[in-house]
C-alpha cells in the first residue's frame, strides 16, 4: 500500500474510532448520566494537563523540521551514522526528560527522516537512566553498584539496538 492510501486509511480509521466513542458515550449517558459527566470532567482535566506537553512536542517537531534537513538527520542517525549515531542516541536518551509518550511523535518524525529503529530503541532504553536520581541511587546502593548498573544498561541498549537493526534490515 502506498503512503497516500495509508494516510487516507488512517484518517478514516480515526474518524470511525472517534465516532464510535462518541456514540458509546451518548448511549451510556442515557443509563449512567452522573458517571459519564464525571468521566468527561476527568478527561477535560487530563487534557488541560497534557496540553503543555503537546505544545512542547509540536514545537520540537517544528524546530527539527526547520533546523535539520532529512539529509542531516540521516547522516547523524541514519544507516551510515556509525558510532556517532549510537553515542547520540544513548546521550540524548540519558539527557531526555518528561513523559515518554511526549517523545513518540518526535521519534516518529525522526524515523520518517531516516533514523534507524535500533537507535530509537537505544534512546528509549537509556531514558531509564535519570541523572537527577543518580545521587540518591549512589546513596542507597553505593557508587560501584551504580557504575556497574549504568554500564550494563548502556551495553544492553546497544545490544538491543543492534538486534533490532538486524531484524529490521529493510
N, C-alpha and C. Protein backbone atom coordinates (compact mmCIF):
# COMPACT_ATOMS: atom_id res chain seq x y z
N UNK A 1 0.85 -1.17 0.00
CA UNK A 1 0.00 0.00 0.00
C UNK A 1 0.90 1.23 0.00
N UNK A 2 0.60 2.19 -0.87
CA UNK A 2 1.45 3.38 -0.90
C UNK A 2 1.10 4.34 0.24
N UNK A 3 1.93 5.36 0.41
CA UNK A 3 1.80 6.27 1.55
C UNK A 3 0.49 7.04 1.55
N UNK A 4 0.03 7.52 0.38
CA UNK A 4 -1.20 8.31 0.35
C UNK A 4 -2.40 7.44 0.72
N UNK A 5 -2.41 6.18 0.27
CA UNK A 5 -3.50 5.28 0.64
C UNK A 5 -3.47 5.01 2.14
N UNK A 6 -2.27 4.85 2.69
CA UNK A 6 -2.12 4.57 4.12
C UNK A 6 -2.63 5.75 4.95
N UNK A 7 -2.28 6.99 4.56
CA UNK A 7 -2.75 8.18 5.28
C UNK A 7 -4.27 8.28 5.19
N UNK A 8 -4.83 7.97 4.01
CA UNK A 8 -6.28 8.02 3.79
C UNK A 8 -6.96 7.00 4.71
N UNK A 9 -6.43 5.79 4.78
CA UNK A 9 -6.99 4.74 5.62
C UNK A 9 -6.91 5.14 7.09
N UNK A 10 -5.77 5.70 7.52
CA UNK A 10 -5.61 6.12 8.91
C UNK A 10 -6.60 7.22 9.27
N UNK A 11 -6.87 8.15 8.36
CA UNK A 11 -7.82 9.22 8.62
C UNK A 11 -9.21 8.65 8.86
N UNK A 12 -9.64 7.74 7.98
CA UNK A 12 -10.96 7.14 8.15
C UNK A 12 -11.02 6.29 9.40
N UNK A 13 -9.96 5.57 9.73
CA UNK A 13 -9.94 4.77 10.96
C UNK A 13 -10.11 5.68 12.16
N UNK A 14 -9.44 6.81 12.16
CA UNK A 14 -9.55 7.77 13.25
C UNK A 14 -10.96 8.33 13.37
N UNK A 15 -11.57 8.63 12.25
CA UNK A 15 -12.94 9.16 12.26
C UNK A 15 -13.90 8.10 12.80
N UNK A 16 -13.73 6.84 12.37
CA UNK A 16 -14.60 5.77 12.87
C UNK A 16 -14.40 5.58 14.37
N UNK A 17 -13.18 5.63 14.82
CA UNK A 17 -12.90 5.45 16.25
C UNK A 17 -13.55 6.55 17.07
N UNK A 18 -13.33 7.80 16.69
CA UNK A 18 -13.91 8.93 17.43
C UNK A 18 -15.43 8.86 17.39
N UNK A 19 -16.00 8.55 16.24
CA UNK A 19 -17.45 8.44 16.13
C UNK A 19 -17.98 7.32 17.04
N UNK A 20 -17.29 6.20 17.07
CA UNK A 20 -17.72 5.08 17.93
C UNK A 20 -17.68 5.48 19.40
N UNK A 21 -16.62 6.17 19.81
CA UNK A 21 -16.50 6.61 21.20
C UNK A 21 -17.63 7.57 21.55
N UNK A 22 -17.92 8.52 20.66
CA UNK A 22 -19.00 9.49 20.91
C UNK A 22 -20.36 8.80 21.02
N UNK A 23 -20.62 7.86 20.14
CA UNK A 23 -21.88 7.12 20.19
C UNK A 23 -21.97 6.32 21.49
N UNK A 24 -20.87 5.67 21.86
CA UNK A 24 -20.84 4.89 23.09
C UNK A 24 -21.09 5.78 24.31
N UNK A 25 -20.44 6.95 24.35
CA UNK A 25 -20.68 7.89 25.44
C UNK A 25 -22.15 8.33 25.46
N UNK A 26 -22.72 8.58 24.28
CA UNK A 26 -24.12 9.00 24.21
C UNK A 26 -25.06 7.94 24.74
N UNK A 27 -24.83 6.69 24.37
CA UNK A 27 -25.68 5.59 24.83
C UNK A 27 -25.52 5.40 26.34
N UNK A 28 -24.27 5.41 26.80
CA UNK A 28 -24.02 5.22 28.24
C UNK A 28 -24.58 6.39 29.06
N UNK A 29 -24.62 7.58 28.47
CA UNK A 29 -25.17 8.74 29.17
C UNK A 29 -26.64 8.53 29.52
N UNK A 30 -27.36 7.81 28.67
CA UNK A 30 -28.77 7.53 28.93
C UNK A 30 -28.95 6.68 30.18
N UNK A 31 -27.99 5.80 30.46
CA UNK A 31 -28.10 4.89 31.60
C UNK A 31 -27.34 5.37 32.84
N UNK A 32 -26.22 6.05 32.62
CA UNK A 32 -25.36 6.47 33.73
C UNK A 32 -24.93 7.93 33.57
N UNK A 33 -25.86 8.89 33.64
CA UNK A 33 -25.51 10.29 33.35
C UNK A 33 -24.43 10.85 34.29
N UNK A 34 -24.50 10.53 35.58
CA UNK A 34 -23.51 11.08 36.52
C UNK A 34 -22.11 10.53 36.25
N UNK A 35 -22.03 9.25 35.99
CA UNK A 35 -20.72 8.64 35.70
C UNK A 35 -20.11 9.21 34.42
N UNK A 36 -20.93 9.40 33.42
CA UNK A 36 -20.42 9.93 32.15
C UNK A 36 -19.98 11.38 32.34
N UNK A 37 -20.75 12.17 33.10
CA UNK A 37 -20.33 13.55 33.37
C UNK A 37 -19.01 13.57 34.12
N UNK A 38 -18.86 12.68 35.09
CA UNK A 38 -17.60 12.59 35.85
C UNK A 38 -16.45 12.19 34.91
N UNK A 39 -16.70 11.22 34.05
CA UNK A 39 -15.66 10.77 33.11
C UNK A 39 -15.26 11.91 32.17
N UNK A 40 -16.23 12.67 31.68
CA UNK A 40 -15.93 13.78 30.78
C UNK A 40 -15.17 14.89 31.51
N UNK A 41 -15.55 15.17 32.77
CA UNK A 41 -14.81 16.17 33.56
C UNK A 41 -13.37 15.72 33.78
N UNK A 42 -13.19 14.46 34.14
CA UNK A 42 -11.85 13.92 34.36
C UNK A 42 -11.02 13.98 33.08
N UNK A 43 -11.64 13.64 31.96
CA UNK A 43 -10.94 13.71 30.67
C UNK A 43 -10.55 15.15 30.33
N UNK A 44 -11.43 16.09 30.63
CA UNK A 44 -11.12 17.50 30.39
C UNK A 44 -9.96 17.99 31.23
N UNK A 45 -9.93 17.59 32.50
CA UNK A 45 -8.82 17.97 33.38
C UNK A 45 -7.52 17.38 32.86
N UNK A 46 -7.56 16.11 32.45
CA UNK A 46 -6.36 15.46 31.91
C UNK A 46 -5.90 16.16 30.63
N UNK A 47 -6.83 16.52 29.77
CA UNK A 47 -6.49 17.22 28.53
C UNK A 47 -5.79 18.54 28.83
N UNK A 48 -6.31 19.27 29.80
CA UNK A 48 -5.69 20.55 30.17
C UNK A 48 -4.27 20.32 30.70
N UNK A 49 -4.07 19.23 31.44
CA UNK A 49 -2.74 18.93 31.98
C UNK A 49 -1.74 18.57 30.89
N UNK A 50 -2.20 17.85 29.85
CA UNK A 50 -1.24 17.41 28.83
C UNK A 50 -1.11 18.38 27.65
N UNK A 51 -1.93 19.43 27.60
CA UNK A 51 -1.79 20.41 26.53
C UNK A 51 -0.39 21.03 26.47
N UNK A 52 0.23 21.39 27.61
CA UNK A 52 1.60 21.91 27.53
C UNK A 52 2.58 20.90 26.92
N UNK A 53 2.40 19.62 27.23
CA UNK A 53 3.26 18.59 26.65
C UNK A 53 3.08 18.56 25.14
N UNK A 54 1.83 18.61 24.69
CA UNK A 54 1.57 18.64 23.25
C UNK A 54 2.22 19.86 22.60
N UNK A 55 2.14 21.00 23.28
CA UNK A 55 2.75 22.22 22.73
C UNK A 55 4.26 22.04 22.58
N UNK A 56 4.90 21.45 23.58
CA UNK A 56 6.35 21.23 23.51
C UNK A 56 6.68 20.25 22.38
N UNK A 57 5.88 19.20 22.24
CA UNK A 57 6.12 18.22 21.18
C UNK A 57 5.97 18.87 19.81
N UNK A 58 4.92 19.64 19.62
CA UNK A 58 4.70 20.30 18.33
C UNK A 58 5.82 21.29 18.05
N UNK A 59 6.22 22.03 19.07
CA UNK A 59 7.33 22.98 18.91
C UNK A 59 8.63 22.26 18.56
N UNK A 60 8.92 21.14 19.28
CA UNK A 60 10.17 20.43 18.95
C UNK A 60 10.14 19.84 17.55
N UNK A 61 8.98 19.35 17.13
CA UNK A 61 8.89 18.82 15.76
C UNK A 61 9.09 19.94 14.74
N UNK A 62 8.55 21.12 15.02
CA UNK A 62 8.74 22.26 14.12
C UNK A 62 10.21 22.66 14.07
N UNK A 63 10.87 22.69 15.22
CA UNK A 63 12.30 23.05 15.26
C UNK A 63 13.13 22.02 14.51
N UNK A 64 12.82 20.73 14.71
CA UNK A 64 13.55 19.67 14.00
C UNK A 64 13.37 19.85 12.49
N UNK A 65 12.13 20.09 12.06
CA UNK A 65 11.89 20.26 10.62
C UNK A 65 12.57 21.51 10.07
N UNK A 66 12.65 22.57 10.89
CA UNK A 66 13.24 23.82 10.42
C UNK A 66 14.77 23.74 10.39
N UNK A 67 15.36 23.22 11.45
CA UNK A 67 16.82 23.24 11.58
C UNK A 67 17.52 22.10 10.85
N UNK A 68 16.87 20.96 10.80
CA UNK A 68 17.54 19.79 10.25
C UNK A 68 16.84 19.29 9.01
N UNK A 69 17.62 19.14 7.96
CA UNK A 69 17.08 18.56 6.74
C UNK A 69 17.07 17.04 6.89
N UNK A 70 16.27 16.36 6.11
CA UNK A 70 16.30 14.89 6.17
C UNK A 70 17.72 14.33 5.95
N UNK A 71 18.48 14.99 5.11
CA UNK A 71 19.85 14.53 4.83
C UNK A 71 20.73 14.66 6.07
N UNK A 72 20.60 15.77 6.80
CA UNK A 72 21.38 15.97 8.02
C UNK A 72 21.02 14.92 9.06
N UNK A 73 19.73 14.70 9.25
CA UNK A 73 19.27 13.71 10.23
C UNK A 73 19.75 12.32 9.82
N UNK A 74 19.66 12.01 8.55
CA UNK A 74 20.08 10.71 8.06
C UNK A 74 21.57 10.48 8.30
N UNK A 75 22.37 11.53 8.13
CA UNK A 75 23.81 11.40 8.38
C UNK A 75 24.09 11.17 9.87
N UNK A 76 23.31 11.84 10.73
CA UNK A 76 23.55 11.75 12.18
C UNK A 76 23.02 10.45 12.78
N UNK A 77 21.86 9.99 12.31
CA UNK A 77 21.24 8.81 12.93
C UNK A 77 20.71 7.82 11.90
N UNK A 78 21.13 7.95 10.67
CA UNK A 78 20.67 7.05 9.61
C UNK A 78 21.54 5.81 9.49
N UNK A 79 21.42 5.14 8.37
CA UNK A 79 22.10 3.86 8.16
C UNK A 79 23.62 3.95 8.29
N UNK A 80 24.23 5.00 7.81
CA UNK A 80 25.69 5.12 7.86
C UNK A 80 26.21 5.94 9.01
N UNK A 81 25.41 6.13 10.06
CA UNK A 81 25.81 7.02 11.14
C UNK A 81 26.92 6.46 12.03
N UNK A 82 27.02 5.15 12.10
CA UNK A 82 28.10 4.52 12.86
C UNK A 82 28.05 4.83 14.35
N UNK A 83 29.24 4.94 14.94
CA UNK A 83 29.33 5.13 16.38
C UNK A 83 28.76 6.47 16.82
N UNK A 84 28.84 7.46 15.93
CA UNK A 84 28.27 8.78 16.24
C UNK A 84 26.77 8.68 16.50
N UNK A 85 26.07 7.89 15.70
CA UNK A 85 24.64 7.70 15.88
C UNK A 85 24.32 7.02 17.20
N UNK A 86 25.13 6.00 17.55
CA UNK A 86 24.90 5.30 18.83
C UNK A 86 25.15 6.24 20.00
N UNK A 87 26.24 7.00 19.94
CA UNK A 87 26.53 7.93 21.04
C UNK A 87 25.45 8.99 21.16
N UNK A 88 24.96 9.48 20.03
CA UNK A 88 23.90 10.48 20.03
C UNK A 88 22.62 9.91 20.64
N UNK A 89 22.24 8.69 20.23
CA UNK A 89 21.02 8.06 20.75
C UNK A 89 21.14 7.80 22.25
N UNK A 90 22.28 7.28 22.68
CA UNK A 90 22.48 6.98 24.10
C UNK A 90 22.52 8.28 24.91
N UNK A 91 23.27 9.25 24.46
CA UNK A 91 23.40 10.51 25.19
C UNK A 91 22.09 11.26 25.30
N UNK A 92 21.37 11.38 24.20
CA UNK A 92 20.09 12.09 24.25
C UNK A 92 19.05 11.31 25.04
N UNK A 93 19.14 9.97 25.02
CA UNK A 93 18.23 9.16 25.83
C UNK A 93 18.45 9.41 27.31
N UNK A 94 19.72 9.50 27.71
CA UNK A 94 20.04 9.75 29.12
C UNK A 94 19.62 11.17 29.52
N UNK A 95 19.81 12.13 28.64
CA UNK A 95 19.50 13.53 28.96
C UNK A 95 18.02 13.87 28.85
N UNK A 96 17.25 13.04 28.14
CA UNK A 96 15.84 13.36 27.91
C UNK A 96 15.04 13.28 29.20
N UNK A 97 14.05 14.14 29.30
CA UNK A 97 13.18 14.18 30.47
C UNK A 97 11.74 14.24 30.02
N UNK A 98 10.85 14.19 30.96
CA UNK A 98 9.43 14.29 30.65
C UNK A 98 8.83 12.93 30.38
N UNK A 99 7.53 12.92 30.14
CA UNK A 99 6.85 11.65 29.90
C UNK A 99 7.27 11.04 28.57
N UNK A 100 7.39 9.73 28.55
CA UNK A 100 7.87 9.04 27.36
C UNK A 100 6.92 9.24 26.18
N UNK A 101 5.61 9.33 26.45
CA UNK A 101 4.66 9.48 25.33
C UNK A 101 4.89 10.79 24.57
N UNK A 102 5.49 11.76 25.22
CA UNK A 102 5.77 13.02 24.53
C UNK A 102 6.88 12.85 23.49
N UNK A 103 7.71 11.84 23.67
CA UNK A 103 8.81 11.60 22.74
C UNK A 103 8.39 10.80 21.52
N UNK A 104 7.30 10.06 21.60
CA UNK A 104 6.90 9.20 20.49
C UNK A 104 6.69 9.97 19.19
N UNK A 105 5.95 11.08 19.18
CA UNK A 105 5.79 11.81 17.91
C UNK A 105 7.13 12.35 17.37
N UNK A 106 8.00 12.79 18.27
CA UNK A 106 9.31 13.31 17.84
C UNK A 106 10.12 12.18 17.22
N UNK A 107 10.13 11.02 17.87
CA UNK A 107 10.87 9.87 17.33
C UNK A 107 10.27 9.39 16.01
N UNK A 108 8.95 9.46 15.89
CA UNK A 108 8.31 9.08 14.63
C UNK A 108 8.76 10.01 13.51
N UNK A 109 8.81 11.30 13.83
CA UNK A 109 9.26 12.29 12.84
C UNK A 109 10.71 12.01 12.43
N UNK A 110 11.56 11.72 13.41
CA UNK A 110 12.96 11.40 13.11
C UNK A 110 13.05 10.11 12.30
N UNK A 111 12.21 9.15 12.61
CA UNK A 111 12.20 7.88 11.86
C UNK A 111 11.83 8.14 10.40
N UNK A 112 10.87 9.02 10.19
CA UNK A 112 10.47 9.34 8.82
C UNK A 112 11.58 10.04 8.05
N UNK A 113 12.49 10.66 8.79
CA UNK A 113 13.64 11.32 8.15
C UNK A 113 14.86 10.41 8.08
N UNK A 114 14.71 9.14 8.46
CA UNK A 114 15.79 8.19 8.27
C UNK A 114 16.44 7.63 9.51
N UNK A 115 15.97 7.97 10.70
CA UNK A 115 16.58 7.42 11.92
C UNK A 115 16.34 5.92 11.99
N UNK A 116 17.39 5.19 12.33
CA UNK A 116 17.30 3.73 12.42
C UNK A 116 16.50 3.33 13.66
N UNK A 117 15.76 2.24 13.53
CA UNK A 117 14.94 1.75 14.64
C UNK A 117 15.81 1.29 15.81
N UNK A 118 16.99 0.78 15.54
CA UNK A 118 17.89 0.36 16.60
C UNK A 118 18.31 1.54 17.47
N UNK A 119 18.51 2.70 16.84
CA UNK A 119 18.88 3.89 17.60
C UNK A 119 17.69 4.40 18.41
N UNK A 120 16.49 4.26 17.87
CA UNK A 120 15.29 4.63 18.63
C UNK A 120 15.19 3.74 19.87
N UNK A 121 15.44 2.45 19.69
CA UNK A 121 15.38 1.52 20.83
C UNK A 121 16.43 1.89 21.87
N UNK A 122 17.63 2.22 21.43
CA UNK A 122 18.70 2.61 22.38
C UNK A 122 18.31 3.89 23.11
N UNK A 123 17.74 4.85 22.40
CA UNK A 123 17.28 6.09 23.02
C UNK A 123 16.25 5.78 24.11
N UNK A 124 15.23 4.99 23.77
CA UNK A 124 14.17 4.68 24.72
C UNK A 124 14.70 3.88 25.92
N UNK A 125 15.62 2.97 25.67
CA UNK A 125 16.20 2.16 26.74
C UNK A 125 16.96 3.05 27.73
N UNK A 126 17.70 4.00 27.21
CA UNK A 126 18.53 4.86 28.06
C UNK A 126 17.73 5.94 28.78
N UNK A 127 16.47 6.09 28.45
CA UNK A 127 15.63 7.03 29.21
C UNK A 127 15.46 6.57 30.65
N UNK A 128 15.72 5.28 30.91
CA UNK A 128 15.61 4.77 32.28
C UNK A 128 16.70 5.33 33.19
N UNK A 129 17.76 5.86 32.61
CA UNK A 129 18.84 6.47 33.40
C UNK A 129 18.43 7.91 33.67
N UNK A 130 18.20 8.21 34.92
CA UNK A 130 17.75 9.56 35.32
C UNK A 130 18.88 10.25 36.09
N UNK A 131 19.51 11.21 35.47
CA UNK A 131 20.65 11.92 36.07
C UNK A 131 20.30 12.52 37.43
N UNK A 132 19.14 13.20 37.59
CA UNK A 132 18.84 13.77 38.91
C UNK A 132 18.71 12.73 40.03
N UNK A 133 18.41 11.48 39.67
CA UNK A 133 18.23 10.45 40.69
C UNK A 133 19.52 9.69 41.00
N UNK A 134 20.58 9.92 40.23
CA UNK A 134 21.82 9.19 40.45
C UNK A 134 22.41 9.39 41.85
N UNK A 135 22.44 10.62 42.40
CA UNK A 135 22.99 10.77 43.76
C UNK A 135 22.22 9.93 44.79
N UNK A 136 20.91 9.87 44.67
CA UNK A 136 20.11 9.07 45.60
C UNK A 136 20.43 7.58 45.43
N UNK A 137 20.60 7.17 44.17
CA UNK A 137 20.92 5.78 43.90
C UNK A 137 22.29 5.43 44.50
N UNK A 138 23.26 6.34 44.36
CA UNK A 138 24.58 6.13 44.94
C UNK A 138 24.48 6.05 46.46
N UNK A 139 23.65 6.90 47.05
CA UNK A 139 23.47 6.91 48.49
C UNK A 139 22.95 5.56 48.99
N UNK A 140 21.95 5.01 48.29
CA UNK A 140 21.34 3.77 48.74
C UNK A 140 22.15 2.52 48.37
N UNK A 141 22.79 2.53 47.20
CA UNK A 141 23.42 1.30 46.72
C UNK A 141 24.95 1.37 46.61
N UNK A 142 25.51 2.55 46.67
CA UNK A 142 26.95 2.71 46.56
C UNK A 142 27.39 2.96 45.12
N UNK A 143 28.50 3.69 44.98
CA UNK A 143 29.00 4.08 43.66
C UNK A 143 29.39 2.90 42.78
N UNK A 144 30.08 1.88 43.31
CA UNK A 144 30.45 0.76 42.42
C UNK A 144 29.23 0.09 41.80
N UNK A 145 28.19 -0.15 42.60
CA UNK A 145 26.97 -0.77 42.08
C UNK A 145 26.35 0.08 40.98
N UNK A 146 26.23 1.38 41.26
CA UNK A 146 25.59 2.30 40.30
C UNK A 146 26.38 2.33 38.99
N UNK A 147 27.70 2.39 39.08
CA UNK A 147 28.53 2.41 37.86
C UNK A 147 28.34 1.14 37.04
N UNK A 148 28.31 0.00 37.73
CA UNK A 148 28.13 -1.28 37.03
C UNK A 148 26.74 -1.34 36.39
N UNK A 149 25.71 -0.94 37.13
CA UNK A 149 24.35 -0.96 36.58
C UNK A 149 24.25 -0.04 35.36
N UNK A 150 24.80 1.16 35.46
CA UNK A 150 24.73 2.10 34.34
C UNK A 150 25.47 1.55 33.12
N UNK A 151 26.63 0.99 33.35
CA UNK A 151 27.40 0.40 32.24
C UNK A 151 26.60 -0.72 31.58
N UNK A 152 26.02 -1.59 32.39
CA UNK A 152 25.23 -2.69 31.83
C UNK A 152 23.99 -2.19 31.10
N UNK A 153 23.37 -1.14 31.61
CA UNK A 153 22.19 -0.58 30.93
C UNK A 153 22.57 -0.03 29.56
N UNK A 154 23.68 0.67 29.51
CA UNK A 154 24.13 1.23 28.23
C UNK A 154 24.51 0.12 27.26
N UNK A 155 25.24 -0.88 27.76
CA UNK A 155 25.61 -2.02 26.90
C UNK A 155 24.37 -2.78 26.43
N UNK A 156 23.41 -2.98 27.33
CA UNK A 156 22.17 -3.67 26.95
C UNK A 156 21.41 -2.88 25.89
N UNK A 157 21.44 -1.55 25.99
CA UNK A 157 20.75 -0.74 24.97
C UNK A 157 21.43 -0.91 23.61
N UNK A 158 22.74 -1.03 23.61
CA UNK A 158 23.47 -1.26 22.35
C UNK A 158 23.09 -2.62 21.76
N UNK A 159 23.09 -3.66 22.59
CA UNK A 159 22.75 -5.00 22.12
C UNK A 159 21.32 -5.01 21.58
N UNK A 160 20.41 -4.42 22.34
CA UNK A 160 19.01 -4.36 21.89
C UNK A 160 18.89 -3.62 20.56
N UNK A 161 19.57 -2.48 20.46
CA UNK A 161 19.52 -1.71 19.22
C UNK A 161 20.09 -2.46 18.04
N UNK A 162 21.22 -3.14 18.24
CA UNK A 162 21.83 -3.93 17.16
C UNK A 162 20.91 -5.05 16.72
N UNK A 163 20.29 -5.73 17.68
CA UNK A 163 19.35 -6.81 17.34
C UNK A 163 18.17 -6.26 16.55
N UNK A 164 17.64 -5.13 16.98
CA UNK A 164 16.51 -4.54 16.26
C UNK A 164 16.93 -4.13 14.85
N UNK A 165 18.13 -3.56 14.72
CA UNK A 165 18.62 -3.21 13.38
C UNK A 165 18.79 -4.46 12.50
N UNK A 166 19.25 -5.55 13.10
CA UNK A 166 19.42 -6.79 12.32
C UNK A 166 18.07 -7.34 11.88
N UNK A 167 17.10 -7.33 12.78
CA UNK A 167 15.76 -7.83 12.46
C UNK A 167 15.08 -6.93 11.44
N UNK A 168 15.34 -5.64 11.55
CA UNK A 168 14.67 -4.66 10.69
C UNK A 168 15.56 -4.21 9.54
N UNK A 169 16.35 -5.09 9.01
CA UNK A 169 17.20 -4.70 7.89
C UNK A 169 16.35 -4.60 6.62
N UNK A 170 15.84 -3.38 6.40
CA UNK A 170 14.90 -3.12 5.29
C UNK A 170 15.58 -3.24 3.96
